[in-house]
């Protein structure tokens, strides 16, 4: 959370700095025109003072008045009433205009620094309180989900024991087998939520042959795949990841593909120099028969935890692509 606070603070500081820089550029050009007009009016005032004093007035420390042109200075030439072809020059002290602008911008930048510093403090305080509150809510939700998952896990364990007892007493095992498979599927769905609650430090990475896992997963879904065609060409591929997370990812993506496909499921492993890609494609059956997308979001979070990226495309086929999938040893 501290890193998130710093990131938002830096974004805010950068935004204010850019906004003030643009504003200062605009103010600079406006101020420059104003200073040039002001200097001209002051020069004209010195010119009139020179004429009214019968040419005895010579200006002050910033302006010099006379009939001779001064080199390397900003000079204004006014007509000499006594000599139609002559001029009276009012020369401005070098860097006079620059010093006015610099003094103004020093004061402006100092004031802007104080304002930005004040707003950064206020923004940091608001962000810290907001993130602390979000952290508390996140911890509370995690505890709630963990508690519900734990109680539900106990319930499933009890049902599995009851099924084992029924198997010893009943001759017809077909109904019990279907019920057992249903319980196992629910248990695997719940495992995704439970495993997501684990911290990163609890993840145990190892080299896993993913093509074999996919084949094993497809064998588990053999009954659900009746009437559907599966296209998968196994390619010996090893990934460096947590076995539990890999099982959760494969189970959820493959089960969704089977559940919502009409007749075809295509799985492909692609090896490139940049990493490993997993592609899962299936045609679409009833467009209304879809879930809320919660499972997909959970799987995407697991993929991100391992440094991968998941993308979904829906056109003629429903396609899930996992990029750079656990391709490097940490």
Protein backbone atom coordinates (compact mmCIF):
# COMPACT_ATOMS: atom_id res chain seq x y z
CA UNK A 1 0.00 0.00 0.00
CA UNK A 2 2.88 2.37 0.70
CA UNK A 3 4.08 1.94 -2.88
CA UNK A 4 0.55 2.67 -4.17
CA UNK A 5 0.42 5.81 -2.03
CA UNK A 6 3.75 6.98 -3.45
CA UNK A 7 2.65 6.21 -7.00
CA UNK A 8 -0.55 8.26 -6.70
CA UNK A 9 1.39 11.06 -5.01
CA UNK A 10 3.90 11.15 -7.86
CA UNK A 11 1.09 11.16 -10.45
CA UNK A 12 -0.58 14.05 -8.65
CA UNK A 13 2.71 16.00 -8.33
CA UNK A 14 3.51 15.41 -12.02
CA UNK A 15 0.04 16.58 -13.10
CA UNK A 16 0.26 19.78 -11.04
CA UNK A 17 3.82 20.45 -12.26
CA UNK A 18 2.83 20.09 -15.92
CA UNK A 19 -0.28 22.24 -15.43
CA UNK A 20 1.73 24.99 -13.70
CA UNK A 21 4.48 24.80 -16.35
CA UNK A 22 1.90 25.40 -19.11
CA UNK A 23 0.35 28.22 -17.09
CA UNK A 24 3.78 29.79 -16.45
CA UNK A 25 4.62 29.76 -20.17
CA UNK A 26 1.37 31.57 -20.89
CA UNK A 27 2.04 34.06 -18.06
CA UNK A 28 5.61 34.62 -19.32
CA UNK A 29 4.51 35.73 -22.79
CA UNK A 30 1.75 37.92 -21.38
CA UNK A 31 4.15 39.46 -18.84
CA UNK A 32 6.81 40.04 -21.49
CA UNK A 33 4.37 42.06 -23.62
CA UNK A 34 3.21 43.98 -20.57
CA UNK A 35 6.83 44.79 -19.52
CA UNK A 36 7.75 45.91 -23.04
CA UNK A 37 4.72 48.24 -23.12
CA UNK A 38 5.53 49.54 -19.63
CA UNK A 39 9.17 50.22 -20.56
CA UNK A 40 8.07 52.09 -23.68
CA UNK A 41 5.70 54.26 -21.64
CA UNK A 42 8.47 54.98 -19.11
CA UNK A 43 10.84 55.83 -21.97
CA UNK A 44 8.29 58.27 -23.37
CA UNK A 45 7.92 59.83 -19.91
CA UNK A 46 11.70 60.37 -19.75
CA UNK A 47 11.63 61.84 -23.26
CA UNK A 48 8.98 64.39 -22.24
CA UNK A 49 10.92 65.20 -19.04
CA UNK A 50 14.01 65.82 -21.19
CA UNK A 51 12.10 68.31 -23.39
CA UNK A 52 10.39 70.10 -20.49
CA UNK A 53 13.70 70.53 -18.63
CA UNK A 54 15.19 72.21 -21.71
CA UNK A 55 17.51 69.24 -22.27
CA UNK A 56 19.06 69.31 -18.81
CA UNK A 57 17.38 66.08 -17.66
CA UNK A 58 19.60 63.07 -18.32
CA UNK A 59 17.46 60.26 -16.91
CA UNK A 60 18.07 57.98 -13.90
CA UNK A 61 19.94 54.78 -13.08
CA UNK A 62 17.73 52.73 -15.42
CA UNK A 63 17.05 55.15 -18.28
CA UNK A 64 19.48 57.49 -20.07
CA UNK A 65 18.25 60.36 -22.25
CA UNK A 66 20.33 62.18 -24.83
CA UNK A 67 20.91 62.92 -28.49
CA UNK A 68 23.54 60.21 -28.88
CA UNK A 69 22.69 56.58 -29.53
CA UNK A 70 24.14 54.10 -27.04
CA UNK A 71 25.48 50.85 -28.43
CA UNK A 72 24.37 47.46 -27.03
CA UNK A 73 21.34 48.86 -25.25
CA UNK A 74 17.61 48.86 -25.86
CA UNK A 75 16.98 52.38 -27.17
CA UNK A 76 13.84 54.22 -28.19
CA UNK A 77 14.16 57.00 -30.79
CA UNK A 78 11.78 59.96 -30.52
CA UNK A 79 11.59 62.97 -32.89
CA UNK A 80 13.51 66.06 -31.82
CA UNK A 81 11.09 69.05 -32.09
CA UNK A 82 14.00 71.50 -32.45
CA UNK A 83 15.64 69.54 -35.28
CA UNK A 84 13.15 67.81 -37.66
CA UNK A 85 15.86 65.46 -38.93
CA UNK A 86 17.22 64.69 -35.46
CA UNK A 87 16.26 62.19 -32.78
CA UNK A 88 16.31 62.02 -29.02
CA UNK A 89 17.29 58.59 -27.70
CA UNK A 90 16.05 57.03 -24.48
CA UNK A 91 18.30 54.07 -23.65
CA UNK A 92 17.30 51.40 -21.17
CA UNK A 93 19.78 49.83 -18.77
CA UNK A 94 20.89 46.37 -19.98
CA UNK A 95 18.88 43.48 -18.44
CA UNK A 96 16.37 45.93 -16.95
CA UNK A 97 13.40 44.10 -18.49
CA UNK A 98 14.95 40.73 -17.69
CA UNK A 99 15.38 41.66 -14.01
CA UNK A 100 11.70 42.67 -13.77
CA UNK A 101 10.56 39.34 -15.23
CA UNK A 102 13.03 37.34 -13.11
CA UNK A 103 11.92 39.04 -9.89
CA UNK A 104 8.29 38.38 -10.75
CA UNK A 105 8.88 34.70 -11.55
CA UNK A 106 10.99 34.16 -8.43
CA UNK A 107 8.05 35.33 -6.33
CA UNK A 108 5.59 33.35 -8.46
CA UNK A 109 7.58 30.10 -8.31
CA UNK A 110 8.10 30.44 -4.56
CA UNK A 111 4.36 30.90 -4.09
CA UNK A 112 3.59 27.97 -6.42
CA UNK A 113 6.03 25.74 -4.52
CA UNK A 114 4.23 26.54 -1.27
CA UNK A 115 0.82 25.86 -2.82
CA UNK A 116 1.97 22.56 -4.41
CA UNK A 117 3.63 21.43 -1.19
CA UNK A 118 0.47 22.19 0.78
CA UNK A 119 -1.77 20.32 -1.67
CA UNK A 120 0.63 17.36 -1.76
CA UNK A 121 0.42 17.08 2.02
CA UNK A 122 -3.39 17.23 1.91
CA UNK A 123 -3.55 14.76 -0.99
CA UNK A 124 -1.13 12.36 0.74
CA UNK A 125 -3.26 12.47 3.89
CA UNK A 126 -6.47 11.75 1.94
CA UNK A 127 -4.81 8.95 -0.08
CA UNK A 128 -3.34 7.35 3.05
CA UNK A 129 -6.70 7.32 4.82
CA UNK A 130 -8.45 6.00 1.71
CA UNK A 131 -5.96 3.17 1.23
CA UNK A 132 -6.04 2.29 4.92
CA UNK A 133 -9.81 1.99 4.72
CA UNK A 134 -9.59 -0.11 1.54
CA UNK A 135 -6.99 -2.32 3.22
CA UNK A 136 -9.31 -2.88 6.19
CA UNK A 137 -12.19 -3.74 3.85
CA UNK A 138 -9.95 -6.10 1.85
CA UNK A 139 -8.83 -7.91 5.01
CA UNK A 140 -12.41 -8.16 6.22
CA UNK A 141 -13.59 -9.61 2.87
CA UNK A 142 -10.67 -12.06 2.84
CA UNK A 143 -11.55 -13.22 6.35
CA UNK A 144 -15.22 -13.55 5.41
CA UNK A 145 -14.47 -15.53 2.24
CA UNK A 146 -11.96 -17.72 4.08
CA UNK A 147 -14.51 -18.42 6.81
CA UNK A 148 -17.28 -19.31 4.31
CA UNK A 149 -14.89 -21.42 2.23
CA UNK A 150 -13.70 -23.26 5.34
CA UNK A 151 -17.26 -24.04 6.48
CA UNK A 152 -18.24 -25.10 2.98
CA UNK A 153 -15.12 -27.26 2.75
CA UNK A 154 -16.12 -28.98 6.00
CA UNK A 155 -19.59 -29.56 4.56
CA UNK A 156 -18.12 -31.13 1.39
CA UNK A 157 -15.81 -33.34 3.45
CA UNK A 158 -18.80 -34.57 5.46
CA UNK A 159 -20.72 -35.35 2.28
CA UNK A 160 -17.76 -37.27 0.87
CA UNK A 161 -17.66 -39.39 4.04
CA UNK A 162 -21.41 -39.99 3.77
CA UNK A 163 -20.98 -41.06 0.14
CA UNK A 164 -18.22 -43.50 1.11
CA UNK A 165 -20.56 -45.06 3.70
CA UNK A 166 -23.41 -45.29 1.19
CA UNK A 167 -21.13 -46.99 -1.33
CA UNK A 168 -20.55 -49.83 1.12
CA UNK A 169 -24.29 -50.44 1.53
CA UNK A 170 -25.78 -49.82 -1.91
CA UNK A 171 -25.32 -52.06 -4.92
CA UNK A 172 -26.22 -49.49 -7.57
CA UNK A 173 -23.17 -47.22 -7.62
CA UNK A 174 -24.02 -45.16 -10.76
CA UNK A 175 -26.07 -42.47 -9.01
CA UNK A 176 -23.53 -42.23 -6.20
CA UNK A 177 -20.68 -41.89 -8.72
CA UNK A 178 -22.42 -38.98 -10.44
CA UNK A 179 -23.06 -37.32 -7.08
CA UNK A 180 -19.42 -37.86 -6.09
CA UNK A 181 -18.19 -36.25 -9.32
CA UNK A 182 -20.48 -33.28 -8.74
CA UNK A 183 -19.09 -32.81 -5.24
CA UNK A 184 -15.52 -33.03 -6.55
CA UNK A 185 -16.26 -30.36 -9.18
CA UNK A 186 -17.74 -28.02 -6.58
CA UNK A 187 -14.69 -28.66 -4.40
CA UNK A 188 -12.35 -27.69 -7.24
CA UNK A 189 -14.35 -24.53 -7.91
CA UNK A 190 -14.04 -23.57 -4.26
CA UNK A 191 -10.30 -24.33 -4.30
CA UNK A 192 -9.72 -21.46 -6.74
CA UNK A 193 -11.15 -18.99 -4.22
CA UNK A 194 -9.30 -20.55 -1.27
CA UNK A 195 -5.97 -20.62 -3.09
CA UNK A 196 -6.33 -16.98 -4.17
CA UNK A 197 -6.28 -16.01 -0.50
CA UNK A 198 -2.75 -17.33 -0.20
CA UNK A 199 0.02 -14.77 -0.04
CA UNK A 200 2.75 -14.67 -2.70
CA UNK A 201 5.32 -15.99 -0.23
CA UNK A 202 3.28 -19.21 0.16
CA UNK A 203 3.51 -20.02 -3.55
CA UNK A 204 5.87 -22.93 -4.26
CA UNK A 205 7.16 -22.88 -7.83
CA UNK A 206 8.52 -25.94 -9.58
CA UNK A 207 9.04 -27.22 -13.13
CA UNK A 208 5.79 -28.81 -14.31
CA UNK A 209 5.04 -30.57 -17.59
CA UNK A 210 1.87 -28.77 -18.59
CA UNK A 211 0.88 -30.90 -21.61
CA UNK A 212 0.55 -33.95 -19.33
CA UNK A 213 -1.61 -31.97 -16.90
CA UNK A 214 -3.93 -30.96 -19.72
CA UNK A 215 -4.29 -34.58 -20.81
CA UNK A 216 -5.06 -35.65 -17.23
CA UNK A 217 -7.62 -32.88 -16.94
CA UNK A 218 -9.32 -33.95 -20.18
CA UNK A 219 -9.49 -37.54 -18.89
CA UNK A 220 -11.27 -36.29 -15.74
CA UNK A 221 -13.85 -34.58 -17.99
CA UNK A 222 -14.34 -37.65 -20.19
CA UNK A 223 -17.99 -38.05 -19.24
CA UNK A 224 -18.77 -34.36 -19.90
CA UNK A 225 -16.99 -34.51 -23.28
CA UNK A 226 -19.38 -37.06 -24.76
CA UNK A 227 -20.64 -35.77 -28.11
CA UNK A 228 -17.93 -33.11 -28.31
CA UNK A 229 -14.69 -33.09 -30.28
CA UNK A 230 -11.43 -32.16 -28.53
CA UNK A 231 -8.47 -31.05 -30.64
CA UNK A 232 -5.21 -31.13 -28.72
CA UNK A 233 -1.75 -32.06 -29.93
CA UNK A 234 0.49 -32.57 -26.87
CA UNK A 235 3.86 -30.83 -27.07
CA UNK A 236 6.35 -31.55 -24.31
CA UNK A 237 6.35 -28.23 -22.42
CA UNK A 238 7.61 -27.35 -18.97
CA UNK A 239 6.53 -24.30 -17.01
CA UNK A 240 7.92 -22.91 -13.77
CA UNK A 241 4.97 -22.23 -11.51
CA UNK A 242 2.94 -23.34 -8.53
CA UNK A 243 1.27 -26.71 -9.21
CA UNK A 244 -1.87 -25.78 -7.27
CA UNK A 245 -2.31 -22.58 -9.29
CA UNK A 246 -1.69 -24.40 -12.59
CA UNK A 247 -4.35 -26.98 -11.71
CA UNK A 248 -6.83 -24.24 -10.78
CA UNK A 249 -6.21 -22.35 -14.03
CA UNK A 250 -6.49 -25.40 -16.28
CA UNK A 251 -9.54 -26.78 -14.48
CA UNK A 252 -11.52 -23.54 -14.68
CA UNK A 253 -10.68 -22.70 -18.30
CA UNK A 254 -11.25 -26.25 -19.59
CA UNK A 255 -14.44 -26.75 -17.57
CA UNK A 256 -15.86 -23.46 -18.92
CA UNK A 257 -14.90 -24.45 -22.47
CA UNK A 258 -16.69 -27.80 -22.07
CA UNK A 259 -19.72 -26.28 -20.34
CA UNK A 260 -20.38 -23.51 -22.89
CA UNK A 261 -19.14 -25.17 -26.11
CA UNK A 262 -21.48 -26.59 -28.73
CA UNK A 263 -19.33 -29.34 -30.25
CA UNK A 264 -15.64 -28.36 -30.57
CA UNK A 265 -12.87 -27.56 -28.08
CA UNK A 266 -9.38 -26.71 -29.35
CA UNK A 267 -6.37 -26.46 -27.04
CA UNK A 268 -2.94 -25.41 -28.29
CA UNK A 269 0.49 -24.85 -26.73
CA UNK A 270 2.70 -22.34 -28.56
CA UNK A 271 6.41 -21.92 -27.86
CA UNK A 272 8.10 -18.66 -28.89
CA UNK A 273 11.30 -16.81 -28.02
CA UNK A 274 9.28 -14.49 -25.80
CA UNK A 275 7.68 -17.28 -23.79
CA UNK A 276 4.89 -19.83 -23.81
CA UNK A 277 1.36 -19.18 -25.02
CA UNK A 278 -1.67 -21.29 -24.10
CA UNK A 279 -4.68 -21.01 -26.39
CA UNK A 280 -8.12 -22.43 -25.52
CA UNK A 281 -10.86 -22.13 -28.17
CA UNK A 282 -14.40 -23.44 -28.29
CA UNK A 283 -17.44 -22.85 -30.43
CA UNK A 284 -20.41 -21.32 -28.65
CA UNK A 285 -23.66 -23.08 -27.87
CA UNK A 286 -26.56 -21.15 -26.38
CA UNK A 287 -25.38 -17.47 -26.18
CA UNK A 288 -27.66 -16.99 -23.16
CA UNK A 289 -26.00 -19.81 -21.23
CA UNK A 290 -23.12 -17.98 -19.65
CA UNK A 291 -22.05 -17.08 -16.14
CA UNK A 292 -21.27 -13.74 -14.53
CA UNK A 293 -17.58 -13.90 -15.42
CA UNK A 294 -16.46 -14.11 -11.78
CA UNK A 295 -14.51 -17.33 -12.37
CA UNK A 296 -12.71 -15.77 -15.34
CA UNK A 297 -11.68 -12.79 -13.23
CA UNK A 298 -10.35 -15.08 -10.51
CA UNK A 299 -8.33 -17.10 -13.04
CA UNK A 300 -6.96 -13.89 -14.53
CA UNK A 301 -5.78 -12.82 -11.08
CA UNK A 302 -3.93 -16.14 -10.60
CA UNK A 303 -2.29 -15.74 -14.02
CA UNK A 304 -1.15 -12.20 -13.15
CA UNK A 305 0.28 -13.45 -9.86
CA UNK A 306 2.69 -15.54 -11.93
CA UNK A 307 3.63 -12.68 -14.27
CA UNK A 308 1.38 -13.79 -17.12
CA UNK A 309 -1.40 -12.04 -19.03
CA UNK A 310 -4.80 -13.42 -20.03
CA UNK A 311 -6.85 -12.17 -22.97
CA UNK A 312 -10.35 -13.19 -24.07
CA UNK A 313 -11.70 -12.79 -27.61
CA UNK A 314 -15.29 -13.52 -28.57
CA UNK A 315 -16.10 -13.76 -32.26
CA UNK A 316 -17.12 -16.94 -34.02
CA UNK A 317 -15.21 -18.83 -31.32
CA UNK A 318 -14.71 -18.06 -27.65
CA UNK A 319 -10.93 -17.82 -27.25
CA UNK A 320 -8.81 -17.56 -24.12
CA UNK A 321 -5.11 -16.76 -24.65
CA UNK A 322 -2.54 -16.74 -21.83
CA UNK A 323 0.64 -14.87 -22.79
CA UNK A 324 4.20 -15.34 -21.48
CA UNK A 325 2.88 -18.10 -19.30
CA UNK A 326 5.32 -18.91 -16.47
CA UNK A 327 8.09 -19.12 -19.04
CA UNK A 328 11.08 -18.18 -16.90
CA UNK A 329 12.49 -19.47 -13.70
CA UNK A 330 12.10 -16.85 -10.93
